[in-house]
Amino acid sequence: MKTAHVQFDSARGLVGTFDDGLTIESADPCELAERMFAAGARHGHVSMPDWRRGDIAPASGRKIAFHTRLNQLGRTA
């Protein structure tokens, strides 16, 4: 199981980076979750900065959508 970190970039949208350096980008949080799941990410092993980190923190709705979709994918796998 891979660990990863997702943050927001105003030019690229949501950017997921795995510990091995693989980077996946998407403006859509559900699409990002699907692509990261296919690459080995699982719910509970992906971190995101919170509001205290400023501009790199994804909006709450995007966080919820991402984690919900990643969790759904894990339950069906």
PDB file of N, CA and C in Angstrom:
ATOM      1  N   MET A   1       0.839  -1.171   0.000  1.00  0.00           N
ATOM      2  CA  MET A   1       0.000   0.000   0.000  1.00  0.00           C
ATOM      3  C   MET A   1       0.891   1.243   0.000  1.00  0.00           C
ATOM      4  N   LYS A   2       0.593   2.162  -0.888  1.00  0.00           N
ATOM      5  CA  LYS A   2       1.388   3.376  -1.018  1.00  0.00           C
ATOM      6  C   LYS A   2       0.801   4.500  -0.164  1.00  0.00           C
ATOM      7  N   THR A   3       1.663   5.378   0.307  1.00  0.00           N
ATOM      8  CA  THR A   3       1.200   6.578   0.975  1.00  0.00           C
ATOM      9  C   THR A   3       1.377   7.750   0.023  1.00  0.00           C
ATOM     10  N   ALA A   4       0.521   8.752   0.183  1.00  0.00           N
ATOM     11  CA  ALA A   4       0.541   9.884  -0.733  1.00  0.00           C
ATOM     12  C   ALA A   4       0.080  11.146  -0.017  1.00  0.00           C
ATOM     13  N   HIS A   5       0.290  12.266  -0.684  1.00  0.00           N
ATOM     14  CA  HIS A   5      -0.108  13.568  -0.169  1.00  0.00           C
ATOM     15  C   HIS A   5      -0.793  14.324  -1.300  1.00  0.00           C
ATOM     16  N   VAL A   6      -1.914  14.968  -1.013  1.00  0.00           N
ATOM     17  CA  VAL A   6      -2.646  15.746  -2.010  1.00  0.00           C
ATOM     18  C   VAL A   6      -2.701  17.192  -1.544  1.00  0.00           C
ATOM     19  N   GLN A   7      -2.375  18.100  -2.450  1.00  0.00           N
ATOM     20  CA  GLN A   7      -2.510  19.515  -2.143  1.00  0.00           C
ATOM     21  C   GLN A   7      -3.056  20.244  -3.353  1.00  0.00           C
ATOM     22  N   PHE A   8      -3.462  21.495  -3.148  1.00  0.00           N
ATOM     23  CA  PHE A   8      -4.033  22.311  -4.213  1.00  0.00           C
ATOM     24  C   PHE A   8      -2.956  23.201  -4.804  1.00  0.00           C
ATOM     25  N   ASP A   9      -2.976  23.305  -6.118  1.00  0.00           N
ATOM     26  CA  ASP A   9      -2.086  24.211  -6.841  1.00  0.00           C
ATOM     27  C   ASP A   9      -2.979  25.035  -7.760  1.00  0.00           C
ATOM     28  N   SER A  10      -2.917  26.350  -7.656  1.00  0.00           N
ATOM     29  CA  SER A  10      -3.837  27.196  -8.417  1.00  0.00           C
ATOM     30  C   SER A  10      -3.688  27.022  -9.926  1.00  0.00           C
ATOM     31  N   ALA A  11      -2.529  26.640 -10.403  1.00  0.00           N
ATOM     32  CA  ALA A  11      -2.312  26.457 -11.837  1.00  0.00           C
ATOM     33  C   ALA A  11      -2.669  25.054 -12.313  1.00  0.00           C
ATOM     34  N   ARG A  12      -2.533  24.045 -11.433  1.00  0.00           N
ATOM     35  CA  ARG A  12      -2.710  22.652 -11.853  1.00  0.00           C
ATOM     36  C   ARG A  12      -3.924  21.973 -11.243  1.00  0.00           C
ATOM     37  N   GLY A  13      -4.547  22.555 -10.268  1.00  0.00           N
ATOM     38  CA  GLY A  13      -5.675  21.920  -9.584  1.00  0.00           C
ATOM     39  C   GLY A  13      -5.178  21.077  -8.423  1.00  0.00           C
ATOM     40  N   LEU A  14      -5.794  19.941  -8.210  1.00  0.00           N
ATOM     41  CA  LEU A  14      -5.357  19.044  -7.149  1.00  0.00           C
ATOM     42  C   LEU A  14      -4.181  18.211  -7.640  1.00  0.00           C
ATOM     43  N   VAL A  15      -3.174  18.113  -6.806  1.00  0.00           N
ATOM     44  CA  VAL A  15      -1.960  17.383  -7.168  1.00  0.00           C
ATOM     45  C   VAL A  15      -1.692  16.329  -6.100  1.00  0.00           C
ATOM     46  N   GLY A  16      -1.701  15.080  -6.517  1.00  0.00           N
ATOM     47  CA  GLY A  16      -1.396  13.975  -5.621  1.00  0.00           C
ATOM     48  C   GLY A  16       0.014  13.483  -5.877  1.00  0.00           C
ATOM     49  N   THR A  17       0.809  13.389  -4.828  1.00  0.00           N
ATOM     50  CA  THR A  17       2.191  12.940  -4.960  1.00  0.00           C
ATOM     51  C   THR A  17       2.417  11.745  -4.034  1.00  0.00           C
ATOM     52  N   PHE A  18       2.875  10.650  -4.615  1.00  0.00           N
ATOM     53  CA  PHE A  18       3.193   9.454  -3.848  1.00  0.00           C
ATOM     54  C   PHE A  18       4.608   9.564  -3.296  1.00  0.00           C
ATOM     55  N   ASP A  19       4.883   8.781  -2.270  1.00  0.00           N
ATOM     56  CA  ASP A  19       6.213   8.791  -1.663  1.00  0.00           C
ATOM     57  C   ASP A  19       7.320   8.410  -2.645  1.00  0.00           C
ATOM     58  N   ASP A  20       6.965   7.630  -3.671  1.00  0.00           N
ATOM     59  CA  ASP A  20       7.977   7.239  -4.661  1.00  0.00           C
ATOM     60  C   ASP A  20       8.178   8.284  -5.758  1.00  0.00           C
ATOM     61  N   GLY A  21       7.469   9.415  -5.662  1.00  0.00           N
ATOM     62  CA  GLY A  21       7.646  10.512  -6.609  1.00  0.00           C
ATOM     63  C   GLY A  21       6.596  10.597  -7.699  1.00  0.00           C
ATOM     64  N   LEU A  22       5.768   9.564  -7.867  1.00  0.00           N
ATOM     65  CA  LEU A  22       4.706   9.597  -8.870  1.00  0.00           C
ATOM     66  C   LEU A  22       3.752  10.739  -8.547  1.00  0.00           C
ATOM     67  N   THR A  23       3.411  11.536  -9.547  1.00  0.00           N
ATOM     68  CA  THR A  23       2.511  12.667  -9.365  1.00  0.00           C
ATOM     69  C   THR A  23       1.330  12.527 -10.306  1.00  0.00           C
ATOM     70  N   ILE A  24       0.133  12.748  -9.783  1.00  0.00           N
ATOM     71  CA  ILE A  24      -1.104  12.693 -10.566  1.00  0.00           C
ATOM     72  C   ILE A  24      -1.854  13.987 -10.307  1.00  0.00           C
ATOM     73  N   GLU A  25      -2.366  14.607 -11.378  1.00  0.00           N
ATOM     74  CA  GLU A  25      -3.077  15.876 -11.263  1.00  0.00           C
ATOM     75  C   GLU A  25      -4.484  15.757 -11.832  1.00  0.00           C
ATOM     76  N   SER A  26      -5.410  16.508 -11.250  1.00  0.00           N
ATOM     77  CA  SER A  26      -6.767  16.592 -11.780  1.00  0.00           C
ATOM     78  C   SER A  26      -7.495  17.747 -11.097  1.00  0.00           C
ATOM     79  N   ALA A  27      -8.343  18.418 -11.848  1.00  0.00           N
ATOM     80  CA  ALA A  27      -9.182  19.463 -11.259  1.00  0.00           C
ATOM     81  C   ALA A  27     -10.364  18.853 -10.505  1.00  0.00           C
ATOM     82  N   ASP A  28     -10.732  17.622 -10.865  1.00  0.00           N
ATOM     83  CA  ASP A  28     -11.883  16.945 -10.278  1.00  0.00           C
ATOM     84  C   ASP A  28     -11.406  16.008  -9.161  1.00  0.00           C
ATOM     85  N   PRO A  29     -11.879  16.212  -7.928  1.00  0.00           N
ATOM     86  CA  PRO A  29     -11.421  15.380  -6.810  1.00  0.00           C
ATOM     87  C   PRO A  29     -11.794  13.907  -6.948  1.00  0.00           C
ATOM     88  N   CYS A  30     -12.938  13.612  -7.551  1.00  0.00           N
ATOM     89  CA  CYS A  30     -13.335  12.209  -7.725  1.00  0.00           C
ATOM     90  C   CYS A  30     -12.461  11.526  -8.766  1.00  0.00           C
ATOM     91  N   GLU A  31     -12.147  12.232  -9.835  1.00  0.00           N
ATOM     92  CA  GLU A  31     -11.251  11.681 -10.849  1.00  0.00           C
ATOM     93  C   GLU A  31      -9.862  11.451 -10.267  1.00  0.00           C
ATOM     94  N   LEU A  32      -9.395  12.388  -9.469  1.00  0.00           N
ATOM     95  CA  LEU A  32      -8.084  12.226  -8.833  1.00  0.00           C
ATOM     96  C   LEU A  32      -8.088  10.994  -7.928  1.00  0.00           C
ATOM     97  N   ALA A  33      -9.151  10.824  -7.157  1.00  0.00           N
ATOM     98  CA  ALA A  33      -9.252   9.649  -6.279  1.00  0.00           C
ATOM     99  C   ALA A  33      -9.205   8.355  -7.090  1.00  0.00           C
ATOM    100  N   GLU A  34      -9.914   8.319  -8.199  1.00  0.00           N
ATOM    101  CA  GLU A  34      -9.933   7.120  -9.036  1.00  0.00           C
ATOM    102  C   GLU A  34      -8.555   6.828  -9.622  1.00  0.00           C
ATOM    103  N   ARG A  35      -7.889   7.854 -10.102  1.00  0.00           N
ATOM    104  CA  ARG A  35      -6.568   7.667 -10.696  1.00  0.00           C
ATOM    105  C   ARG A  35      -5.539   7.280  -9.637  1.00  0.00           C
ATOM    106  N   MET A  36      -5.637   7.883  -8.460  1.00  0.00           N
ATOM    107  CA  MET A  36      -4.701   7.542  -7.394  1.00  0.00           C
ATOM    108  C   MET A  36      -4.973   6.147  -6.849  1.00  0.00           C
ATOM    109  N   PHE A  37      -6.237   5.752  -6.781  1.00  0.00           N
ATOM    110  CA  PHE A  37      -6.581   4.396  -6.342  1.00  0.00           C
ATOM    111  C   PHE A  37      -5.972   3.380  -7.305  1.00  0.00           C
ATOM    112  N   ALA A  38      -6.092   3.647  -8.601  1.00  0.00           N
ATOM    113  CA  ALA A  38      -5.521   2.744  -9.608  1.00  0.00           C
ATOM    114  C   ALA A  38      -4.003   2.643  -9.475  1.00  0.00           C
ATOM    115  N   ALA A  39      -3.384   3.706  -8.947  1.00  0.00           N
ATOM    116  CA  ALA A  39      -1.928   3.718  -8.766  1.00  0.00           C
ATOM    117  C   ALA A  39      -1.501   3.149  -7.412  1.00  0.00           C
ATOM    118  N   GLY A  40      -2.476   2.770  -6.577  1.00  0.00           N
ATOM    119  CA  GLY A  40      -2.137   2.114  -5.313  1.00  0.00           C
ATOM    120  C   GLY A  40      -2.482   2.860  -4.038  1.00  0.00           C
ATOM    121  N   ALA A  41      -3.085   4.040  -4.138  1.00  0.00           N
ATOM    122  CA  ALA A  41      -3.469   4.795  -2.938  1.00  0.00           C
ATOM    123  C   ALA A  41      -4.717   4.181  -2.318  1.00  0.00           C
ATOM    124  N   ARG A  42      -4.787   4.202  -1.006  1.00  0.00           N
ATOM    125  CA  ARG A  42      -5.958   3.700  -0.298  1.00  0.00           C
ATOM    126  C   ARG A  42      -6.366   4.713   0.768  1.00  0.00           C
ATOM    127  N   HIS A  43      -7.680   4.714   1.056  1.00  0.00           N
ATOM    128  CA  HIS A  43      -8.211   5.626   2.071  1.00  0.00           C
ATOM    129  C   HIS A  43      -7.474   5.405   3.390  1.00  0.00           C
ATOM    130  N   GLY A  44      -7.121   6.468   4.042  1.00  0.00           N
ATOM    131  CA  GLY A  44      -6.384   6.384   5.297  1.00  0.00           C
ATOM    132  C   GLY A  44      -4.884   6.489   5.109  1.00  0.00           C
ATOM    133  N   HIS A  45      -4.436   6.444   3.856  1.00  0.00           N
ATOM    134  CA  HIS A  45      -3.009   6.533   3.561  1.00  0.00           C
ATOM    135  C   HIS A  45      -2.694   7.728   2.670  1.00  0.00           C
ATOM    136  N   VAL A  46      -3.652   8.656   2.576  1.00  0.00           N
ATOM    137  CA  VAL A  46      -3.463   9.873   1.793  1.00  0.00           C
ATOM    138  C   VAL A  46      -3.702  11.063   2.720  1.00  0.00           C
ATOM    139  N   SER A  47      -2.726  11.944   2.797  1.00  0.00           N
ATOM    140  CA  SER A  47      -2.866  13.123   3.653  1.00  0.00           C
ATOM    141  C   SER A  47      -3.122  14.373   2.810  1.00  0.00           C
ATOM    142  N   MET A  48      -3.734  15.360   3.451  1.00  0.00           N
ATOM    143  CA  MET A  48      -3.990  16.658   2.827  1.00  0.00           C
ATOM    144  C   MET A  48      -3.754  17.734   3.869  1.00  0.00           C
ATOM    145  N   PRO A  49      -3.197  18.883   3.460  1.00  0.00           N
ATOM    146  CA  PRO A  49      -3.027  19.964   4.416  1.00  0.00           C
ATOM    147  C   PRO A  49      -4.389  20.557   4.801  1.00  0.00           C
ATOM    148  N   ASP A  50      -4.480  21.086   6.005  1.00  0.00           N
ATOM    149  CA  ASP A  50      -5.721  21.740   6.407  1.00  0.00           C
ATOM    150  C   ASP A  50      -5.621  23.245   6.171  1.00  0.00           C
ATOM    151  N   TRP A  51      -6.663  23.960   6.532  1.00  0.00           N
ATOM    152  CA  TRP A  51      -6.782  25.384   6.251  1.00  0.00           C
ATOM    153  C   TRP A  51      -5.614  26.211   6.784  1.00  0.00           C
ATOM    154  N   ARG A  52      -4.919  25.725   7.811  1.00  0.00           N
ATOM    155  CA  ARG A  52      -3.802  26.489   8.383  1.00  0.00           C
ATOM    156  C   ARG A  52      -2.624  26.598   7.428  1.00  0.00           C
ATOM    157  N   ARG A  53      -2.582  25.743   6.409  1.00  0.00           N
ATOM    158  CA  ARG A  53      -1.491  25.770   5.433  1.00  0.00           C
ATOM    159  C   ARG A  53      -1.757  26.767   4.304  1.00  0.00           C
ATOM    160  N   GLY A  54      -2.895  27.439   4.342  1.00  0.00           N
ATOM    161  CA  GLY A  54      -3.185  28.493   3.372  1.00  0.00           C
ATOM    162  C   GLY A  54      -3.600  27.973   2.006  1.00  0.00           C
ATOM    163  N   ASP A  55      -3.032  28.563   0.962  1.00  0.00           N
ATOM    164  CA  ASP A  55      -3.459  28.319  -0.411  1.00  0.00           C
ATOM    165  C   ASP A  55      -3.256  26.889  -0.908  1.00  0.00           C
ATOM    166  N   ILE A  56      -2.382  26.122  -0.296  1.00  0.00           N
ATOM    167  CA  ILE A  56      -2.164  24.753  -0.775  1.00  0.00           C
ATOM    168  C   ILE A  56      -3.191  23.764  -0.218  1.00  0.00           C
ATOM    169  N   ALA A  57      -3.999  24.208   0.724  1.00  0.00           N
ATOM    170  CA  ALA A  57      -5.022  23.339   1.315  1.00  0.00           C
ATOM    171  C   ALA A  57      -6.232  23.269   0.384  1.00  0.00           C
ATOM    172  N   PRO A  58      -6.628  22.055  -0.028  1.00  0.00           N
ATOM    173  CA  PRO A  58      -7.838  21.934  -0.842  1.00  0.00           C
ATOM    174  C   PRO A  58      -9.057  22.416  -0.058  1.00  0.00           C
ATOM    175  N   ALA A  59     -10.031  22.956  -0.769  1.00  0.00           N
ATOM    176  CA  ALA A  59     -11.278  23.384  -0.135  1.00  0.00           C
ATOM    177  C   ALA A  59     -11.955  22.176   0.518  1.00  0.00           C
ATOM    178  N   SER A  60     -12.702  22.432   1.569  1.00  0.00           N
ATOM    179  CA  SER A  60     -13.339  21.347   2.327  1.00  0.00           C
ATOM    180  C   SER A  60     -14.183  20.432   1.455  1.00  0.00           C
ATOM    181  N   GLY A  61     -14.945  20.993   0.530  1.00  0.00           N
ATOM    182  CA  GLY A  61     -15.781  20.176  -0.342  1.00  0.00           C
ATOM    183  C   GLY A  61     -14.961  19.238  -1.213  1.00  0.00           C
ATOM    184  N   ARG A  62     -13.825  19.704  -1.675  1.00  0.00           N
ATOM    185  CA  ARG A  62     -12.944  18.858  -2.492  1.00  0.00           C
ATOM    186  C   ARG A  62     -12.342  17.740  -1.646  1.00  0.00           C
ATOM    187  N   LYS A  63     -11.971  18.063  -0.416  1.00  0.00           N
ATOM    188  CA  LYS A  63     -11.432  17.037   0.482  1.00  0.00           C
ATOM    189  C   LYS A  63     -12.464  15.942   0.718  1.00  0.00           C
ATOM    190  N   ILE A  64     -13.680  16.357   1.003  1.00  0.00           N
ATOM    191  CA  ILE A  64     -14.751  15.403   1.282  1.00  0.00           C
ATOM    192  C   ILE A  64     -15.015  14.536   0.061  1.00  0.00           C
ATOM    193  N   ALA A  65     -15.118  15.148  -1.108  1.00  0.00           N
ATOM    194  CA  ALA A  65     -15.382  14.392  -2.340  1.00  0.00           C
ATOM    195  C   ALA A  65     -14.254  13.401  -2.614  1.00  0.00           C
ATOM    196  N   PHE A  66     -13.010  13.827  -2.455  1.00  0.00           N
ATOM    197  CA  PHE A  66     -11.868  12.962  -2.705  1.00  0.00           C
ATOM    198  C   PHE A  66     -11.881  11.760  -1.761  1.00  0.00           C
ATOM    199  N   HIS A  67     -11.976  12.019  -0.463  1.00  0.00           N
ATOM    200  CA  HIS A  67     -11.922  10.925   0.513  1.00  0.00           C
ATOM    201  C   HIS A  67     -13.139  10.007   0.419  1.00  0.00           C
ATOM    202  N   THR A  68     -14.302  10.565   0.113  1.00  0.00           N
ATOM    203  CA  THR A  68     -15.493   9.734  -0.053  1.00  0.00           C
ATOM    204  C   THR A  68     -15.316   8.776  -1.222  1.00  0.00           C
ATOM    205  N   ARG A  69     -14.842   9.304  -2.354  1.00  0.00           N
ATOM    206  CA  ARG A  69     -14.654   8.449  -3.527  1.00  0.00           C
ATOM    207  C   ARG A  69     -13.566   7.405  -3.301  1.00  0.00           C
ATOM    208  N   LEU A  70     -12.462   7.787  -2.678  1.00  0.00           N
ATOM    209  CA  LEU A  70     -11.390   6.845  -2.400  1.00  0.00           C
ATOM    210  C   LEU A  70     -11.875   5.737  -1.473  1.00  0.00           C
ATOM    211  N   ASN A  71     -12.685   6.100  -0.489  1.00  0.00           N
ATOM    212  CA  ASN A  71     -13.260   5.120   0.432  1.00  0.00           C
ATOM    213  C   ASN A  71     -14.220   4.178  -0.307  1.00  0.00           C
ATOM    214  N   GLN A  72     -15.064   4.719  -1.194  1.00  0.00           N
ATOM    215  CA  GLN A  72     -15.976   3.894  -1.975  1.00  0.00           C
ATOM    216  C   GLN A  72     -15.219   2.878  -2.817  1.00  0.00           C
ATOM    217  N   LEU A  73     -14.169   3.335  -3.462  1.00  0.00           N
ATOM    218  CA  LEU A  73     -13.383   2.442  -4.312  1.00  0.00           C
ATOM    219  C   LEU A  73     -12.751   1.312  -3.490  1.00  0.00           C
ATOM    220  N   GLY A  74     -12.300   1.636  -2.292  1.00  0.00           N
ATOM    221  CA  GLY A  74     -11.700   0.629  -1.424  1.00  0.00           C
ATOM    222  C   GLY A  74     -12.686  -0.418  -0.967  1.00  0.00           C
ATOM    223  N   ARG A  75     -13.934  -0.038  -0.807  1.00  0.00           N
ATOM    224  CA  ARG A  75     -14.957  -0.987  -0.363  1.00  0.00           C
ATOM    225  C   ARG A  75     -15.389  -1.930  -1.468  1.00  0.00           C
ATOM    226  N   THR A  76     -15.201  -1.523  -2.719  1.00  0.00           N
ATOM    227  CA  THR A  76     -15.629  -2.376  -3.834  1.00  0.00           C
ATOM    228  C   THR A  76     -14.503  -3.215  -4.383  1.00  0.00           C
ATOM    229  N   ALA A  77     -13.270  -2.953  -3.921  1.00  0.00           N
ATOM    230  CA  ALA A  77     -12.111  -3.692  -4.450  1.00  0.00           C
ATOM    231  C   ALA A  77     -11.955  -5.034  -3.792  1.00  0.00           C
TER     232      ALA A  77
END
